[in-house]
Each structure stands twice: as C-alpha cells, then as structure tokens.
C-alpha cells in the first residue's frame, strides 16, 4: 500500500527518487534537479489534476507500485522492456544533457586494471571476475540490462538497493571495495563533486552503448487512469512552448561550449521520436 492523501481520480501522486542530478532530494541543490524543474512544467500542463508529492522511494519500489496500479506517475524513465511491461509511457519529455549515456566510473589510480583504455566492452570486462562491479537496483536500458541479467548472482557483481544507492556505490569505490561502478557520466561527476573528489575519478565509455542518447518519458500505471494521464501529457508535451521550456531547463546542465550542438540533438530527437505506448 502506498499512502496518499487522496485517492480521487483527479489526483496524481509523484514519488520522489534520490537520483541526482535529475531528481535531487538533499544538499544545496535540493528540488533543483532536471526532473524536479521539468515536473513543475508537466504539472502546469495537467492543471485539471491535483498533484501530491509522494514518499522518497527507490526505482524497484516504484516499479512494484506501478504494477499494482497505484495512482502514481514519474516524469523521467527510459523506454525498456521492463517499463513498457509495467506502465504507459509518454512521448519524449526530453533528452539527457550528457553523451555518452552509460559509462564505467573508476578511480584514476586503478586505470591500469582497465588497460588504460577510454572505451571498453561491458561483456568483456564482466569476464574478469577479479574486478568488482557496483550497480544500482534500477534499469540501465534494454541492452545493458540483457547483459547484466546473464550475470545475475555472480560474486563480483554487487547490487546496491535502497535510497541513495549511487552515492553509496561511489563511497564503496573510493574505499576500494569496488573497482568500477556502472552509471551515467553526469551522476558520477555530480556525486564526486559533492564528495570533493571529482579529480580522483575517470570515465570509461562502454562499447555497447557508445553514442546512445538517453530519452526520458513520463510513466504512469498500465490502467485506464494511467492511459488518460499519458494521453493528456502527450498533447501537452508536443506543444512548441513546452518543448522550449524543457529544453531550456536541460541546457542549463550542458557545457556552454556544447550547448549549440546539444540543442540540435535535442530538437532532432523530439522531432523524430514520436513513440508512445498509448494511442495518439
């Protein structure tokens, strides 16, 4: 059971997830993350609904609540077999401000363990059982998930669950309890800065996802209620004014030197990727 103040059809509860720099739930940037600001715009577009702030939960808990048909939505998940199976998904809300998507995060003084390479295959690195990997209990997209699923239960893969799991993984990395962590490049840099250790990490790109663009979508339960919310969200998200507002939010997190290129990438994705799980 997920406690909400109201079970009315016209109430949407938006859970909180500790997922900086997207969903920031603590520290100096609390509520100033990319999704935190985008959510305000989405709620304004769904003004006929009441919006309630939900509990702080992790993604696994969110998946279960969606499967149970709870009246919750979240403003930024990737399309994958998992998310398609448990919820209705909107057209793209936006594009992640960092490319590449998923990377290995290591300590600089351990570069030799990874042959001092800047790009490596996840499949190949996982074969090295002497190297301990840390992952969070969340989705990493269909391709990465498929590779990880084949390695479930291996002793050199450590899964961290609960709120704040990525920051805990970074702590383990700096304490040499892990050799590398799988995550987004931007969350690694953001977390390392919070820990005043940004100069101690290196990023290794992953062959399997090189050049991938991360596209976020609104997810609601796979119910008639959820379908209605997504249809209304789609209509709102397709408006030029909405696209511009969301793009401006994301651009704030992009290196000024790369903003023009990213702007073009953002507009291209929003224009060409019109997929949604509900009828248009």
C-alpha atoms as a PDB file:
ATOM      1  CA  UNK A   1       0.000   0.000   0.000  1.00  0.00           C
ATOM      2  CA  UNK A   2       1.256   3.447  -0.955  1.00  0.00           C
ATOM      3  CA  UNK A   3      -0.119   6.117   1.388  1.00  0.00           C
ATOM      4  CA  UNK A   4      -1.561   9.152  -0.364  1.00  0.00           C
ATOM      5  CA  UNK A   5      -3.695  11.966   0.936  1.00  0.00           C
ATOM      6  CA  UNK A   6      -6.432  11.345  -1.584  1.00  0.00           C
ATOM      7  CA  UNK A   7      -7.463   8.505  -3.864  1.00  0.00           C
ATOM      8  CA  UNK A   8      -9.530  10.756  -6.104  1.00  0.00           C
ATOM      9  CA  UNK A   9      -9.419  10.101  -9.839  1.00  0.00           C
ATOM     10  CA  UNK A  10      -8.195  13.665 -10.263  1.00  0.00           C
ATOM     11  CA  UNK A  11      -5.160  13.287  -8.002  1.00  0.00           C
ATOM     12  CA  UNK A  12      -1.695  12.301  -9.235  1.00  0.00           C
ATOM     13  CA  UNK A  13       0.986  11.391  -6.718  1.00  0.00           C
ATOM     14  CA  UNK A  14       4.565  11.944  -7.869  1.00  0.00           C
ATOM     15  CA  UNK A  15       7.043   9.835  -5.851  1.00  0.00           C
ATOM     16  CA  UNK A  16      10.477  11.200  -5.073  1.00  0.00           C
ATOM     17  CA  UNK A  17      13.596   9.290  -6.094  1.00  0.00           C
ATOM     18  CA  UNK A  18      17.120  10.176  -4.988  1.00  0.00           C
ATOM     19  CA  UNK A  19      18.637  10.358  -8.481  1.00  0.00           C
ATOM     20  CA  UNK A  20      20.923  13.409  -8.825  1.00  0.00           C
ATOM     21  CA  UNK A  21      21.381  15.462 -10.874  1.00  0.00           C
ATOM     22  CA  UNK A  22      17.925  14.592 -12.224  1.00  0.00           C
ATOM     23  CA  UNK A  23      15.897  14.188  -9.057  1.00  0.00           C
ATOM     24  CA  UNK A  24      17.787  15.905  -6.227  1.00  0.00           C
ATOM     25  CA  UNK A  25      16.398  15.223  -2.769  1.00  0.00           C
ATOM     26  CA  UNK A  26      19.114  16.595  -0.499  1.00  0.00           C
ATOM     27  CA  UNK A  27      22.004  19.012  -0.321  1.00  0.00           C
ATOM     28  CA  UNK A  28      22.376  22.534  -1.710  1.00  0.00           C
ATOM     29  CA  UNK A  29      20.563  21.675  -4.961  1.00  0.00           C
ATOM     30  CA  UNK A  30      17.529  20.019  -3.349  1.00  0.00           C
ATOM     31  CA  UNK A  31      14.495  20.235  -5.670  1.00  0.00           C
ATOM     32  CA  UNK A  32      16.625  21.941  -8.345  1.00  0.00           C
ATOM     33  CA  UNK A  33      17.382  18.836 -10.405  1.00  0.00           C
ATOM     34  CA  UNK A  34      16.481  18.488 -14.073  1.00  0.00           C
ATOM     35  CA  UNK A  35      13.390  16.374 -13.405  1.00  0.00           C
ATOM     36  CA  UNK A  36      12.387  18.467 -10.397  1.00  0.00           C
ATOM     37  CA  UNK A  37      12.085  21.518 -12.639  1.00  0.00           C
ATOM     38  CA  UNK A  38      10.542  19.619 -15.558  1.00  0.00           C
ATOM     39  CA  UNK A  39       7.907  18.188 -13.225  1.00  0.00           C
ATOM     40  CA  UNK A  40       6.675  21.697 -12.419  1.00  0.00           C
ATOM     41  CA  UNK A  41       6.048  22.295 -16.122  1.00  0.00           C
ATOM     42  CA  UNK A  42       4.279  18.935 -16.511  1.00  0.00           C
ATOM     43  CA  UNK A  43       2.056  19.662 -13.526  1.00  0.00           C
ATOM     44  CA  UNK A  44       1.155  23.045 -15.003  1.00  0.00           C
ATOM     45  CA  UNK A  45       0.185  21.243 -18.211  1.00  0.00           C
ATOM     46  CA  UNK A  46      -2.037  18.878 -16.222  1.00  0.00           C
ATOM     47  CA  UNK A  47      -3.707  21.686 -14.291  1.00  0.00           C
ATOM     48  CA  UNK A  48      -7.057  19.887 -14.087  1.00  0.00           C
ATOM     49  CA  UNK A  49      -5.438  17.392 -11.696  1.00  0.00           C
ATOM     50  CA  UNK A  50      -4.354  17.775  -8.091  1.00  0.00           C
ATOM     51  CA  UNK A  51      -0.671  16.980  -7.657  1.00  0.00           C
ATOM     52  CA  UNK A  52       0.725  15.475  -4.479  1.00  0.00           C
ATOM     53  CA  UNK A  53       4.329  14.906  -3.533  1.00  0.00           C
ATOM     54  CA  UNK A  54       4.908  11.251  -2.762  1.00  0.00           C
ATOM     55  CA  UNK A  55       7.291   9.409  -0.487  1.00  0.00           C
ATOM     56  CA  UNK A  56      11.011   9.057  -1.136  1.00  0.00           C
ATOM     57  CA  UNK A  57      11.380   5.592  -2.692  1.00  0.00           C
ATOM     58  CA  UNK A  58      13.772   3.720  -4.983  1.00  0.00           C
ATOM     59  CA  UNK A  59      13.068   2.610  -8.534  1.00  0.00           C
ATOM     60  CA  UNK A  60      12.353  -1.008  -7.565  1.00  0.00           C
ATOM     61  CA  UNK A  61       9.631   0.170  -5.205  1.00  0.00           C
ATOM     62  CA  UNK A  62       8.248   2.410  -7.931  1.00  0.00           C
ATOM     63  CA  UNK A  63       8.065  -0.498 -10.388  1.00  0.00           C
ATOM     64  CA  UNK A  64       6.054  -2.510  -7.840  1.00  0.00           C
ATOM     65  CA  UNK A  65       3.652   0.365  -7.199  1.00  0.00           C
ATOM     66  CA  UNK A  66       3.076   0.799 -10.919  1.00  0.00           C
ATOM     67  CA  UNK A  67       2.436  -2.934 -11.299  1.00  0.00           C
ATOM     68  CA  UNK A  68      -0.146  -2.666  -8.520  1.00  0.00           C
ATOM     69  CA  UNK A  69      -1.921   0.103 -10.429  1.00  0.00           C
ATOM     70  CA  UNK A  70      -1.325   2.787  -7.793  1.00  0.00           C
ATOM     71  CA  UNK A  71      -2.184   6.293  -8.973  1.00  0.00           C
ATOM     72  CA  UNK A  72       1.400   7.450  -9.301  1.00  0.00           C
ATOM     73  CA  UNK A  73       3.423   8.838 -12.197  1.00  0.00           C
ATOM     74  CA  UNK A  74       7.080   9.756 -12.650  1.00  0.00           C
ATOM     75  CA  UNK A  75       8.442  12.306 -15.122  1.00  0.00           C
ATOM     76  CA  UNK A  76      11.573  10.612 -16.424  1.00  0.00           C
ATOM     77  CA  UNK A  77      12.166   6.939 -17.221  1.00  0.00           C
ATOM     78  CA  UNK A  78      13.756   5.227 -20.185  1.00  0.00           C
ATOM     79  CA  UNK A  79      11.771   3.068 -22.562  1.00  0.00           C
ATOM     80  CA  UNK A  80      12.695  -0.579 -21.968  1.00  0.00           C
ATOM     81  CA  UNK A  81      11.059  -3.991 -21.870  1.00  0.00           C
ATOM     82  CA  UNK A  82      10.572  -3.508 -18.149  1.00  0.00           C
ATOM     83  CA  UNK A  83       8.990  -0.064 -18.257  1.00  0.00           C
ATOM     84  CA  UNK A  84       6.802  -0.990 -21.235  1.00  0.00           C
ATOM     85  CA  UNK A  85       5.504  -4.042 -19.368  1.00  0.00           C
ATOM     86  CA  UNK A  86       4.517  -2.200 -16.182  1.00  0.00           C
ATOM     87  CA  UNK A  87       3.314   1.196 -17.322  1.00  0.00           C
ATOM     88  CA  UNK A  88       2.085   3.525 -20.017  1.00  0.00           C
ATOM     89  CA  UNK A  89       4.834   5.746 -21.443  1.00  0.00           C
ATOM     90  CA  UNK A  90       4.608   9.195 -22.996  1.00  0.00           C
ATOM     91  CA  UNK A  91       6.313  10.742 -25.979  1.00  0.00           C
ATOM     92  CA  UNK A  92       9.797  12.024 -25.084  1.00  0.00           C
ATOM     93  CA  UNK A  93       9.885  14.590 -22.308  1.00  0.00           C
ATOM     94  CA  UNK A  94      13.481  15.464 -23.020  1.00  0.00           C
ATOM     95  CA  UNK A  95      16.985  14.258 -23.736  1.00  0.00           C
ATOM     96  CA  UNK A  96      19.673  13.706 -21.118  1.00  0.00           C
ATOM     97  CA  UNK A  97      22.238  16.527 -21.192  1.00  0.00           C
ATOM     98  CA  UNK A  98      25.221  14.215 -21.391  1.00  0.00           C
ATOM     99  CA  UNK A  99      26.546  11.891 -24.075  1.00  0.00           C
ATOM    100  CA  UNK A 100      27.671   9.116 -23.799  1.00  0.00           C
ATOM    101  CA  UNK A 101      24.941   7.525 -21.764  1.00  0.00           C
ATOM    102  CA  UNK A 102      26.214   4.743 -19.510  1.00  0.00           C
ATOM    103  CA  UNK A 103      29.858   4.529 -18.505  1.00  0.00           C
ATOM    104  CA  UNK A 104      32.248   2.816 -16.124  1.00  0.00           C
ATOM    105  CA  UNK A 105      33.380   5.035 -13.271  1.00  0.00           C
ATOM    106  CA  UNK A 106      36.783   4.141 -11.838  1.00  0.00           C
ATOM    107  CA  UNK A 107      39.426   5.697  -9.621  1.00  0.00           C
ATOM    108  CA  UNK A 108      42.248   7.174 -11.651  1.00  0.00           C
ATOM    109  CA  UNK A 109      44.806   5.147  -9.737  1.00  0.00           C
ATOM    110  CA  UNK A 110      43.126   1.960 -10.993  1.00  0.00           C
ATOM    111  CA  UNK A 111      43.301   2.802 -14.691  1.00  0.00           C
ATOM    112  CA  UNK A 112      45.928   0.110 -15.214  1.00  0.00           C
ATOM    113  CA  UNK A 113      43.376  -2.553 -14.255  1.00  0.00           C
ATOM    114  CA  UNK A 114      41.389  -1.453 -17.290  1.00  0.00           C
ATOM    115  CA  UNK A 115      44.417  -1.347 -19.613  1.00  0.00           C
ATOM    116  CA  UNK A 116      44.301   2.476 -19.551  1.00  0.00           C
ATOM    117  CA  UNK A 117      41.531   2.315 -22.145  1.00  0.00           C
ATOM    118  CA  UNK A 118      38.917   5.009 -22.761  1.00  0.00           C
ATOM    119  CA  UNK A 119      36.384   2.595 -24.309  1.00  0.00           C
ATOM    120  CA  UNK A 120      35.691  -0.994 -23.221  1.00  0.00           C
ATOM    121  CA  UNK A 121      33.029  -3.646 -23.745  1.00  0.00           C
ATOM    122  CA  UNK A 122      30.817  -4.438 -20.753  1.00  0.00           C
ATOM    123  CA  UNK A 123      30.688  -8.089 -21.818  1.00  0.00           C
ATOM    124  CA  UNK A 124      34.478  -8.311 -21.896  1.00  0.00           C
ATOM    125  CA  UNK A 125      35.068  -6.555 -18.581  1.00  0.00           C
ATOM    126  CA  UNK A 126      32.492  -8.733 -16.820  1.00  0.00           C
ATOM    127  CA  UNK A 127      34.552 -11.787 -17.773  1.00  0.00           C
ATOM    128  CA  UNK A 128      37.257 -10.556 -15.399  1.00  0.00           C
ATOM    129  CA  UNK A 129      35.976 -11.929 -12.110  1.00  0.00           C
ATOM    130  CA  UNK A 130      38.824 -10.271 -10.210  1.00  0.00           C
ATOM    131  CA  UNK A 131      37.269  -6.859 -10.945  1.00  0.00           C
ATOM    132  CA  UNK A 132      34.340  -5.993  -8.703  1.00  0.00           C
ATOM    133  CA  UNK A 133      31.461  -4.054 -10.260  1.00  0.00           C
ATOM    134  CA  UNK A 134      28.874  -1.991  -8.401  1.00  0.00           C
ATOM    135  CA  UNK A 135      25.408  -1.424  -9.854  1.00  0.00           C
ATOM    136  CA  UNK A 136      22.239   0.167  -8.521  1.00  0.00           C
ATOM    137  CA  UNK A 137      18.946  -1.721  -8.389  1.00  0.00           C
ATOM    138  CA  UNK A 138      17.393   0.100 -11.320  1.00  0.00           C
ATOM    139  CA  UNK A 139      17.145  -0.237 -15.081  1.00  0.00           C
ATOM    140  CA  UNK A 140      20.033   0.582 -17.411  1.00  0.00           C
ATOM    141  CA  UNK A 141      18.191   0.237 -20.706  1.00  0.00           C
ATOM    142  CA  UNK A 142      17.422  -2.948 -22.633  1.00  0.00           C
ATOM    143  CA  UNK A 143      20.916  -3.685 -23.958  1.00  0.00           C
ATOM    144  CA  UNK A 144      22.748  -3.219 -20.669  1.00  0.00           C
ATOM    145  CA  UNK A 145      20.005  -4.991 -18.724  1.00  0.00           C
ATOM    146  CA  UNK A 146      20.241  -8.030 -21.022  1.00  0.00           C
ATOM    147  CA  UNK A 147      23.991  -8.320 -20.404  1.00  0.00           C
ATOM    148  CA  UNK A 148      23.643  -7.898 -16.643  1.00  0.00           C
ATOM    149  CA  UNK A 149      20.764 -10.390 -16.437  1.00  0.00           C
ATOM    150  CA  UNK A 150      23.049 -13.129 -17.760  1.00  0.00           C
ATOM    151  CA  UNK A 151      25.464 -12.432 -14.899  1.00  0.00           C
ATOM    152  CA  UNK A 152      22.919 -12.410 -12.058  1.00  0.00           C
ATOM    153  CA  UNK A 153      24.272 -13.846  -8.845  1.00  0.00           C
ATOM    154  CA  UNK A 154      27.953 -13.587  -9.797  1.00  0.00           C
ATOM    155  CA  UNK A 155      30.074 -12.823  -6.744  1.00  0.00           C
ATOM    156  CA  UNK A 156      31.993 -10.000  -8.430  1.00  0.00           C
ATOM    157  CA  UNK A 157      28.812  -8.020  -9.184  1.00  0.00           C
ATOM    158  CA  UNK A 158      27.462  -6.066  -6.231  1.00  0.00           C
ATOM    159  CA  UNK A 159      23.896  -4.724  -6.387  1.00  0.00           C
ATOM    160  CA  UNK A 160      23.016  -1.813  -4.125  1.00  0.00           C
ATOM    161  CA  UNK A 161      19.362  -1.140  -3.379  1.00  0.00           C
ATOM    162  CA  UNK A 162      17.537   1.454  -1.346  1.00  0.00           C
ATOM    163  CA  UNK A 163      17.515   5.228  -1.480  1.00  0.00           C
ATOM    164  CA  UNK A 164      20.842   6.899  -2.197  1.00  0.00           C
ATOM    165  CA  UNK A 165      22.242   3.742  -3.739  1.00  0.00           C
ATOM    166  CA  UNK A 166      24.506   5.508  -6.226  1.00  0.00           C
ATOM    167  CA  UNK A 167      26.175   7.686  -3.607  1.00  0.00           C
ATOM    168  CA  UNK A 168      26.728   4.517  -1.548  1.00  0.00           C
ATOM    169  CA  UNK A 169      28.353   2.852  -4.564  1.00  0.00           C
ATOM    170  CA  UNK A 170      30.667   5.821  -5.017  1.00  0.00           C
ATOM    171  CA  UNK A 171      31.657   5.578  -1.346  1.00  0.00           C
ATOM    172  CA  UNK A 172      32.488   1.908  -1.880  1.00  0.00           C
ATOM    173  CA  UNK A 173      34.539   2.828  -4.950  1.00  0.00           C
ATOM    174  CA  UNK A 174      36.633   5.353  -3.033  1.00  0.00           C
ATOM    175  CA  UNK A 175      37.128   2.845  -0.208  1.00  0.00           C
ATOM    176  CA  UNK A 176      38.438   0.310  -2.771  1.00  0.00           C
ATOM    177  CA  UNK A 177      35.620  -2.103  -2.051  1.00  0.00           C
ATOM    178  CA  UNK A 178      34.676  -1.806  -5.726  1.00  0.00           C
ATOM    179  CA  UNK A 179      36.859  -1.499  -8.815  1.00  0.00           C
ATOM    180  CA  UNK A 180      34.256   0.160 -11.018  1.00  0.00           C
ATOM    181  CA  UNK A 181      30.686   1.422 -10.946  1.00  0.00           C
ATOM    182  CA  UNK A 182      28.139   1.449 -13.749  1.00  0.00           C
ATOM    183  CA  UNK A 183      26.198   4.669 -14.135  1.00  0.00           C
ATOM    184  CA  UNK A 184      25.552   7.844 -16.065  1.00  0.00           C
ATOM    185  CA  UNK A 185      28.594  10.018 -16.616  1.00  0.00           C
ATOM    186  CA  UNK A 186      26.842  13.098 -15.224  1.00  0.00           C
ATOM    187  CA  UNK A 187      25.675  11.485 -11.986  1.00  0.00           C
ATOM    188  CA  UNK A 188      29.237  10.282 -11.386  1.00  0.00           C
ATOM    189  CA  UNK A 189      30.693  13.751 -11.879  1.00  0.00           C
ATOM    190  CA  UNK A 190      27.948  15.370  -9.794  1.00  0.00           C
ATOM    191  CA  UNK A 191      28.346  12.904  -6.931  1.00  0.00           C
ATOM    192  CA  UNK A 192      32.145  13.139  -6.981  1.00  0.00           C
ATOM    193  CA  UNK A 193      31.898  16.940  -6.743  1.00  0.00           C
ATOM    194  CA  UNK A 194      29.623  16.653  -3.717  1.00  0.00           C
ATOM    195  CA  UNK A 195      32.296  14.466  -2.137  1.00  0.00           C
ATOM    196  CA  UNK A 196      35.101  16.870  -3.176  1.00  0.00           C
ATOM    197  CA  UNK A 197      36.761  14.042  -5.111  1.00  0.00           C
ATOM    198  CA  UNK A 198      35.982  14.936  -8.722  1.00  0.00           C
ATOM    199  CA  UNK A 199      39.690  14.903  -9.606  1.00  0.00           C
ATOM    200  CA  UNK A 200      40.039  11.304  -8.452  1.00  0.00           C
ATOM    201  CA  UNK A 201      37.737   9.611 -10.963  1.00  0.00           C
ATOM    202  CA  UNK A 202      37.995   8.602 -14.600  1.00  0.00           C
ATOM    203  CA  UNK A 203      35.238   7.737 -17.038  1.00  0.00           C
ATOM    204  CA  UNK A 204      35.430   4.778 -19.433  1.00  0.00           C
ATOM    205  CA  UNK A 205      32.889   4.673 -22.249  1.00  0.00           C
ATOM    206  CA  UNK A 206      31.021   1.429 -22.892  1.00  0.00           C
ATOM    207  CA  UNK A 207      31.160  -0.062 -26.383  1.00  0.00           C
ATOM    208  CA  UNK A 208      27.625  -1.429 -26.242  1.00  0.00           C
ATOM    209  CA  UNK A 209      26.055   1.997 -25.685  1.00  0.00           C
ATOM    210  CA  UNK A 210      28.562   4.327 -27.347  1.00  0.00           C
ATOM    211  CA  UNK A 211      26.743   7.270 -28.910  1.00  0.00           C
ATOM    212  CA  UNK A 212      23.390   6.383 -27.374  1.00  0.00           C
ATOM    213  CA  UNK A 213      21.095   9.210 -26.396  1.00  0.00           C
ATOM    214  CA  UNK A 214      19.048   8.877 -23.210  1.00  0.00           C
ATOM    215  CA  UNK A 215      15.418   9.866 -23.727  1.00  0.00           C
ATOM    216  CA  UNK A 216      13.163  10.396 -20.721  1.00  0.00           C
ATOM    217  CA  UNK A 217       9.408   9.748 -20.690  1.00  0.00           C
ATOM    218  CA  UNK A 218       6.550  10.114 -18.248  1.00  0.00           C
ATOM    219  CA  UNK A 219       5.382   6.766 -16.861  1.00  0.00           C
ATOM    220  CA  UNK A 220       2.001   6.027 -15.262  1.00  0.00           C
ATOM    221  CA  UNK A 221       0.376   2.683 -14.360  1.00  0.00           C
ATOM    222  CA  UNK A 222      -0.930   0.429 -17.113  1.00  0.00           C
ATOM    223  CA  UNK A 223      -4.560   1.204 -16.297  1.00  0.00           C
ATOM    224  CA  UNK A 224      -7.302   3.287 -17.894  1.00  0.00           C
ATOM    225  CA  UNK A 225      -6.410   6.035 -15.415  1.00  0.00           C
ATOM    226  CA  UNK A 226      -2.752   5.886 -16.447  1.00  0.00           C
ATOM    227  CA  UNK A 227      -3.635   5.879 -20.138  1.00  0.00           C
ATOM    228  CA  UNK A 228      -5.681   9.067 -19.725  1.00  0.00           C
ATOM    229  CA  UNK A 229      -2.822  10.836 -17.949  1.00  0.00           C
ATOM    230  CA  UNK A 230      -0.335   9.847 -20.637  1.00  0.00           C
ATOM    231  CA  UNK A 231      -2.653  10.933 -23.466  1.00  0.00           C
ATOM    232  CA  UNK A 232      -3.079  14.335 -21.829  1.00  0.00           C
ATOM    233  CA  UNK A 233       0.679  14.530 -21.201  1.00  0.00           C
ATOM    234  CA  UNK A 234       1.423  13.735 -24.838  1.00  0.00           C
ATOM    235  CA  UNK A 235      -0.806  16.543 -26.072  1.00  0.00           C
ATOM    236  CA  UNK A 236       0.916  18.978 -23.741  1.00  0.00           C
ATOM    237  CA  UNK A 237       4.481  17.767 -24.379  1.00  0.00           C
ATOM    238  CA  UNK A 238       4.115  18.150 -28.154  1.00  0.00           C
ATOM    239  CA  UNK A 239       3.413  21.863 -27.886  1.00  0.00           C
ATOM    240  CA  UNK A 240       6.230  24.111 -29.047  1.00  0.00           C
ATOM    241  CA  UNK A 241       6.125  26.176 -25.870  1.00  0.00           C
ATOM    242  CA  UNK A 242       6.505  23.062 -23.680  1.00  0.00           C
ATOM    243  CA  UNK A 243       9.434  21.787 -25.737  1.00  0.00           C
ATOM    244  CA  UNK A 244      11.216  25.137 -25.464  1.00  0.00           C
ATOM    245  CA  UNK A 245      10.724  25.374 -21.688  1.00  0.00           C
ATOM    246  CA  UNK A 246      12.007  21.852 -21.080  1.00  0.00           C
ATOM    247  CA  UNK A 247      14.927  22.324 -23.450  1.00  0.00           C
ATOM    248  CA  UNK A 248      15.957  25.473 -21.572  1.00  0.00           C
ATOM    249  CA  UNK A 249      15.960  23.529 -18.287  1.00  0.00           C
ATOM    250  CA  UNK A 250      18.179  20.792 -19.701  1.00  0.00           C
ATOM    251  CA  UNK A 251      20.531  23.245 -21.425  1.00  0.00           C
ATOM    252  CA  UNK A 252      21.482  24.739 -18.058  1.00  0.00           C
ATOM    253  CA  UNK A 253      23.284  21.457 -17.310  1.00  0.00           C
ATOM    254  CA  UNK A 254      25.198  21.356 -20.599  1.00  0.00           C
ATOM    255  CA  UNK A 255      28.723  22.691 -21.001  1.00  0.00           C
ATOM    256  CA  UNK A 256      28.342  26.155 -22.623  1.00  0.00           C
ATOM    257  CA  UNK A 257      30.735  25.138 -25.406  1.00  0.00           C
ATOM    258  CA  UNK A 258      28.498  22.190 -26.313  1.00  0.00           C
ATOM    259  CA  UNK A 259      25.109  23.850 -25.993  1.00  0.00           C
ATOM    260  CA  UNK A 260      24.522  24.614 -29.656  1.00  0.00           C
ATOM    261  CA  UNK A 261      25.293  21.036 -30.717  1.00  0.00           C
ATOM    262  CA  UNK A 262      23.150  19.673 -27.901  1.00  0.00           C
ATOM    263  CA  UNK A 263      20.277  21.982 -28.821  1.00  0.00           C
ATOM    264  CA  UNK A 264      20.276  20.470 -32.322  1.00  0.00           C
ATOM    265  CA  UNK A 265      20.432  16.929 -30.913  1.00  0.00           C
ATOM    266  CA  UNK A 266      17.564  17.670 -28.521  1.00  0.00           C
ATOM    267  CA  UNK A 267      15.361  19.130 -31.257  1.00  0.00           C
ATOM    268  CA  UNK A 268      16.166  16.249 -33.612  1.00  0.00           C
ATOM    269  CA  UNK A 269      15.186  13.611 -31.047  1.00  0.00           C
ATOM    270  CA  UNK A 270      11.981  15.389 -30.036  1.00  0.00           C
ATOM    271  CA  UNK A 271      11.005  15.810 -33.698  1.00  0.00           C
ATOM    272  CA  UNK A 272      11.778  12.275 -34.881  1.00  0.00           C
ATOM    273  CA  UNK A 273      10.985  10.131 -31.825  1.00  0.00           C
ATOM    274  CA  UNK A 274       7.198  10.209 -31.581  1.00  0.00           C
ATOM    275  CA  UNK A 275       6.746   6.784 -29.962  1.00  0.00           C
ATOM    276  CA  UNK A 276       4.328   6.432 -27.066  1.00  0.00           C
ATOM    277  CA  UNK A 277       2.590   3.379 -25.632  1.00  0.00           C
ATOM    278  CA  UNK A 278      -0.892   4.877 -25.959  1.00  0.00           C
ATOM    279  CA  UNK A 279      -2.979   5.747 -28.997  1.00  0.00           C
ATOM    280  CA  UNK A 280      -2.288   9.200 -30.327  1.00  0.00           C
END
